[in-house]
C-alpha atoms as a PDB file:
ATOM      1  CA  UNK A   1       0.000   0.000   0.000  1.00  0.00           C
ATOM      2  CA  UNK A   2       1.443   3.359  -0.960  1.00  0.00           C
ATOM      3  CA  UNK A   3       0.942   6.752   0.625  1.00  0.00           C
ATOM      4  CA  UNK A   4       0.987   9.960  -1.391  1.00  0.00           C
ATOM      5  CA  UNK A   5       1.088  13.654  -0.681  1.00  0.00           C
ATOM      6  CA  UNK A   6      -1.466  15.612  -2.731  1.00  0.00           C
ATOM      7  CA  UNK A   7      -1.527  19.349  -3.333  1.00  0.00           C
ATOM      8  CA  UNK A   8      -3.951  21.708  -5.027  1.00  0.00           C
ATOM      9  CA  UNK A   9      -4.180  25.499  -5.414  1.00  0.00           C
ATOM     10  CA  UNK A  10      -7.523  27.001  -6.416  1.00  0.00           C
ATOM     11  CA  UNK A  11      -8.097  30.543  -7.613  1.00  0.00           C
ATOM     12  CA  UNK A  12     -10.545  32.230  -9.957  1.00  0.00           C
ATOM     13  CA  UNK A  13      -7.736  33.972 -11.894  1.00  0.00           C
ATOM     14  CA  UNK A  14      -5.177  31.932 -13.846  1.00  0.00           C
ATOM     15  CA  UNK A  15      -1.485  32.230 -13.082  1.00  0.00           C
ATOM     16  CA  UNK A  16       0.138  35.421 -14.302  1.00  0.00           C
ATOM     17  CA  UNK A  17       3.263  35.297 -16.445  1.00  0.00           C
ATOM     18  CA  UNK A  18       5.446  36.195 -13.459  1.00  0.00           C
ATOM     19  CA  UNK A  19       3.758  33.531 -11.307  1.00  0.00           C
ATOM     20  CA  UNK A  20       4.248  30.943 -14.040  1.00  0.00           C
ATOM     21  CA  UNK A  21       7.950  31.857 -14.201  1.00  0.00           C
ATOM     22  CA  UNK A  22       8.247  31.649 -10.402  1.00  0.00           C
ATOM     23  CA  UNK A  23       6.556  28.234 -10.365  1.00  0.00           C
ATOM     24  CA  UNK A  24       8.940  27.022 -13.059  1.00  0.00           C
ATOM     25  CA  UNK A  25      11.964  28.261 -11.089  1.00  0.00           C
ATOM     26  CA  UNK A  26      10.747  26.595  -7.891  1.00  0.00           C
ATOM     27  CA  UNK A  27      10.032  23.269  -9.612  1.00  0.00           C
ATOM     28  CA  UNK A  28      13.455  23.320 -11.301  1.00  0.00           C
ATOM     29  CA  UNK A  29      15.237  24.148  -8.035  1.00  0.00           C
ATOM     30  CA  UNK A  30      13.297  21.431  -6.232  1.00  0.00           C
ATOM     31  CA  UNK A  31      14.284  18.828  -8.811  1.00  0.00           C
ATOM     32  CA  UNK A  32      17.945  19.911  -8.743  1.00  0.00           C
ATOM     33  CA  UNK A  33      18.191  19.674  -4.951  1.00  0.00           C
ATOM     34  CA  UNK A  34      16.052  16.560  -4.429  1.00  0.00           C
ATOM     35  CA  UNK A  35      18.029  14.118  -2.274  1.00  0.00           C
ATOM     36  CA  UNK A  36      17.199  10.835  -4.056  1.00  0.00           C
ATOM     37  CA  UNK A  37      17.310  10.141  -7.788  1.00  0.00           C
ATOM     38  CA  UNK A  38      15.211   7.000  -7.491  1.00  0.00           C
ATOM     39  CA  UNK A  39      12.381   8.496  -5.408  1.00  0.00           C
ATOM     40  CA  UNK A  40       9.466  10.619  -6.591  1.00  0.00           C
ATOM     41  CA  UNK A  41       9.756  14.346  -5.895  1.00  0.00           C
ATOM     42  CA  UNK A  42       7.504  17.337  -6.417  1.00  0.00           C
ATOM     43  CA  UNK A  43       5.264  16.570  -9.386  1.00  0.00           C
ATOM     44  CA  UNK A  44       2.785  19.036 -10.857  1.00  0.00           C
ATOM     45  CA  UNK A  45       0.072  17.756 -13.169  1.00  0.00           C
ATOM     46  CA  UNK A  46      -0.275  19.219 -16.634  1.00  0.00           C
ATOM     47  CA  UNK A  47      -3.521  21.175 -16.378  1.00  0.00           C
ATOM     48  CA  UNK A  48      -3.811  22.126 -20.019  1.00  0.00           C
ATOM     49  CA  UNK A  49      -7.399  20.820 -19.933  1.00  0.00           C
ATOM     50  CA  UNK A  50      -8.446  24.155 -18.409  1.00  0.00           C
ATOM     51  CA  UNK A  51     -10.068  22.708 -15.285  1.00  0.00           C
ATOM     52  CA  UNK A  52     -11.927  25.620 -13.723  1.00  0.00           C
ATOM     53  CA  UNK A  53     -10.230  27.337 -10.819  1.00  0.00           C
ATOM     54  CA  UNK A  54      -7.375  24.889 -10.353  1.00  0.00           C
ATOM     55  CA  UNK A  55      -4.127  26.777 -10.974  1.00  0.00           C
ATOM     56  CA  UNK A  56      -1.755  24.113  -9.605  1.00  0.00           C
ATOM     57  CA  UNK A  57      -2.158  20.483  -8.611  1.00  0.00           C
ATOM     58  CA  UNK A  58       0.112  17.524  -8.135  1.00  0.00           C
ATOM     59  CA  UNK A  59       1.172  14.610  -6.006  1.00  0.00           C
ATOM     60  CA  UNK A  60       4.216  12.824  -4.673  1.00  0.00           C
ATOM     61  CA  UNK A  61       4.317   9.127  -3.821  1.00  0.00           C
ATOM     62  CA  UNK A  62       6.113   8.634  -0.523  1.00  0.00           C
ATOM     63  CA  UNK A  63       9.079   6.249  -0.370  1.00  0.00           C
ATOM     64  CA  UNK A  64       8.768   2.834   1.269  1.00  0.00           C
ATOM     65  CA  UNK A  65      12.237   3.156   2.840  1.00  0.00           C
ATOM     66  CA  UNK A  66      11.661   4.568   6.370  1.00  0.00           C
ATOM     67  CA  UNK A  67      14.973   6.476   6.398  1.00  0.00           C
ATOM     68  CA  UNK A  68      13.983   8.369   3.261  1.00  0.00           C
ATOM     69  CA  UNK A  69      10.429   9.268   4.228  1.00  0.00           C
ATOM     70  CA  UNK A  70      11.056  12.403   6.308  1.00  0.00           C
ATOM     71  CA  UNK A  71      13.725  13.878   4.015  1.00  0.00           C
ATOM     72  CA  UNK A  72      11.329  13.513   1.062  1.00  0.00           C
ATOM     73  CA  UNK A  73       8.396  14.960   3.023  1.00  0.00           C
ATOM     74  CA  UNK A  74      10.494  17.903   4.238  1.00  0.00           C
ATOM     75  CA  UNK A  75      11.838  18.624   0.758  1.00  0.00           C
ATOM     76  CA  UNK A  76       8.444  18.514  -0.941  1.00  0.00           C
ATOM     77  CA  UNK A  77       6.702  20.530   1.805  1.00  0.00           C
ATOM     78  CA  UNK A  78       9.457  23.172   1.634  1.00  0.00           C
ATOM     79  CA  UNK A  79       8.878  23.412  -2.120  1.00  0.00           C
ATOM     80  CA  UNK A  80       5.117  23.679  -1.613  1.00  0.00           C
ATOM     81  CA  UNK A  81       5.728  26.466   0.899  1.00  0.00           C
ATOM     82  CA  UNK A  82       7.668  28.360  -1.767  1.00  0.00           C
ATOM     83  CA  UNK A  83       4.933  27.715  -4.329  1.00  0.00           C
ATOM     84  CA  UNK A  84       2.206  28.942  -2.000  1.00  0.00           C
ATOM     85  CA  UNK A  85       4.141  32.131  -1.317  1.00  0.00           C
ATOM     86  CA  UNK A  86       4.683  32.649  -5.070  1.00  0.00           C
ATOM     87  CA  UNK A  87       1.004  32.183  -5.996  1.00  0.00           C
ATOM     88  CA  UNK A  88      -0.896  34.886  -4.129  1.00  0.00           C
ATOM     89  CA  UNK A  89      -4.563  34.630  -3.305  1.00  0.00           C
ATOM     90  CA  UNK A  90      -4.990  30.908  -3.965  1.00  0.00           C
ATOM     91  CA  UNK A  91      -6.791  28.511  -1.662  1.00  0.00           C
ATOM     92  CA  UNK A  92      -4.414  25.620  -1.004  1.00  0.00           C
ATOM     93  CA  UNK A  93      -5.076  22.082   0.128  1.00  0.00           C
ATOM     94  CA  UNK A  94      -2.131  19.881   1.015  1.00  0.00           C
ATOM     95  CA  UNK A  95      -2.809  16.441   2.427  1.00  0.00           C
ATOM     96  CA  UNK A  96      -1.257  13.023   2.833  1.00  0.00           C
ATOM     97  CA  UNK A  97      -4.125  10.745   1.927  1.00  0.00           C
ATOM     98  CA  UNK A  98      -6.693  11.729   4.614  1.00  0.00           C
ATOM     99  CA  UNK A  99      -4.342  13.797   6.818  1.00  0.00           C
ATOM    100  CA  UNK A 100      -4.346  17.547   6.124  1.00  0.00           C
ATOM    101  CA  UNK A 101      -0.929  19.175   6.355  1.00  0.00           C
ATOM    102  CA  UNK A 102      -1.307  22.403   8.339  1.00  0.00           C
ATOM    103  CA  UNK A 103      -0.122  25.798   7.114  1.00  0.00           C
ATOM    104  CA  UNK A 104       1.847  28.028   9.463  1.00  0.00           C
ATOM    105  CA  UNK A 105       2.399  31.638   8.336  1.00  0.00           C
ATOM    106  CA  UNK A 106       5.943  31.611   9.737  1.00  0.00           C
ATOM    107  CA  UNK A 107       7.141  28.101   8.890  1.00  0.00           C
ATOM    108  CA  UNK A 108       4.945  27.175   5.951  1.00  0.00           C
ATOM    109  CA  UNK A 109       3.889  23.548   5.571  1.00  0.00           C
ATOM    110  CA  UNK A 110       5.228  21.444   8.435  1.00  0.00           C
ATOM    111  CA  UNK A 111       4.530  18.156  10.155  1.00  0.00           C
ATOM    112  CA  UNK A 112       5.578  17.392  13.735  1.00  0.00           C
ATOM    113  CA  UNK A 113       9.113  15.995  13.858  1.00  0.00           C
ATOM    114  CA  UNK A 114       9.831  16.431  10.166  1.00  0.00           C
ATOM    115  CA  UNK A 115      13.088  18.277  10.922  1.00  0.00           C
ATOM    116  CA  UNK A 116      14.221  16.013  13.763  1.00  0.00           C
ATOM    117  CA  UNK A 117      17.771  15.005  12.781  1.00  0.00           C
ATOM    118  CA  UNK A 118      17.510  11.611  14.491  1.00  0.00           C
ATOM    119  CA  UNK A 119      14.263  10.765  12.714  1.00  0.00           C
ATOM    120  CA  UNK A 120      15.629  11.961   9.357  1.00  0.00           C
ATOM    121  CA  UNK A 121      18.854   9.913   9.584  1.00  0.00           C
ATOM    122  CA  UNK A 122      19.212   6.891   7.347  1.00  0.00           C
ATOM    123  CA  UNK A 123      19.156   3.719   9.529  1.00  0.00           C
ATOM    124  CA  UNK A 124      22.853   3.043   8.854  1.00  0.00           C
ATOM    125  CA  UNK A 125      23.859   6.579   9.880  1.00  0.00           C
ATOM    126  CA  UNK A 126      22.922   6.171  13.550  1.00  0.00           C
END
């Protein structure tokens, strides 16, 4: 059974040219700094079908390897924080299956313990 992180941004107005450029920069930076080549990172769906109100949407399948789970979650949530700050006025929903990921104005998207160095360590590193 796999677990995925899903993300959606809704807004009546489409992305502006500057927002589209910012999104592209964030996605490129996220891909370049992603810690694992063989895991799934931030993935935005192609919404060329013009679905009403949805300006961004995507998902990331979480790794099965326990030592990789928190680094992937932290990386993707940090990228989603940047995306949310780049796309003003959108209503965001970020959730891991049925669990909503809370938004904090100071920290962005965070889950308890996601930056705990001991929890993030690969099993062989301890």
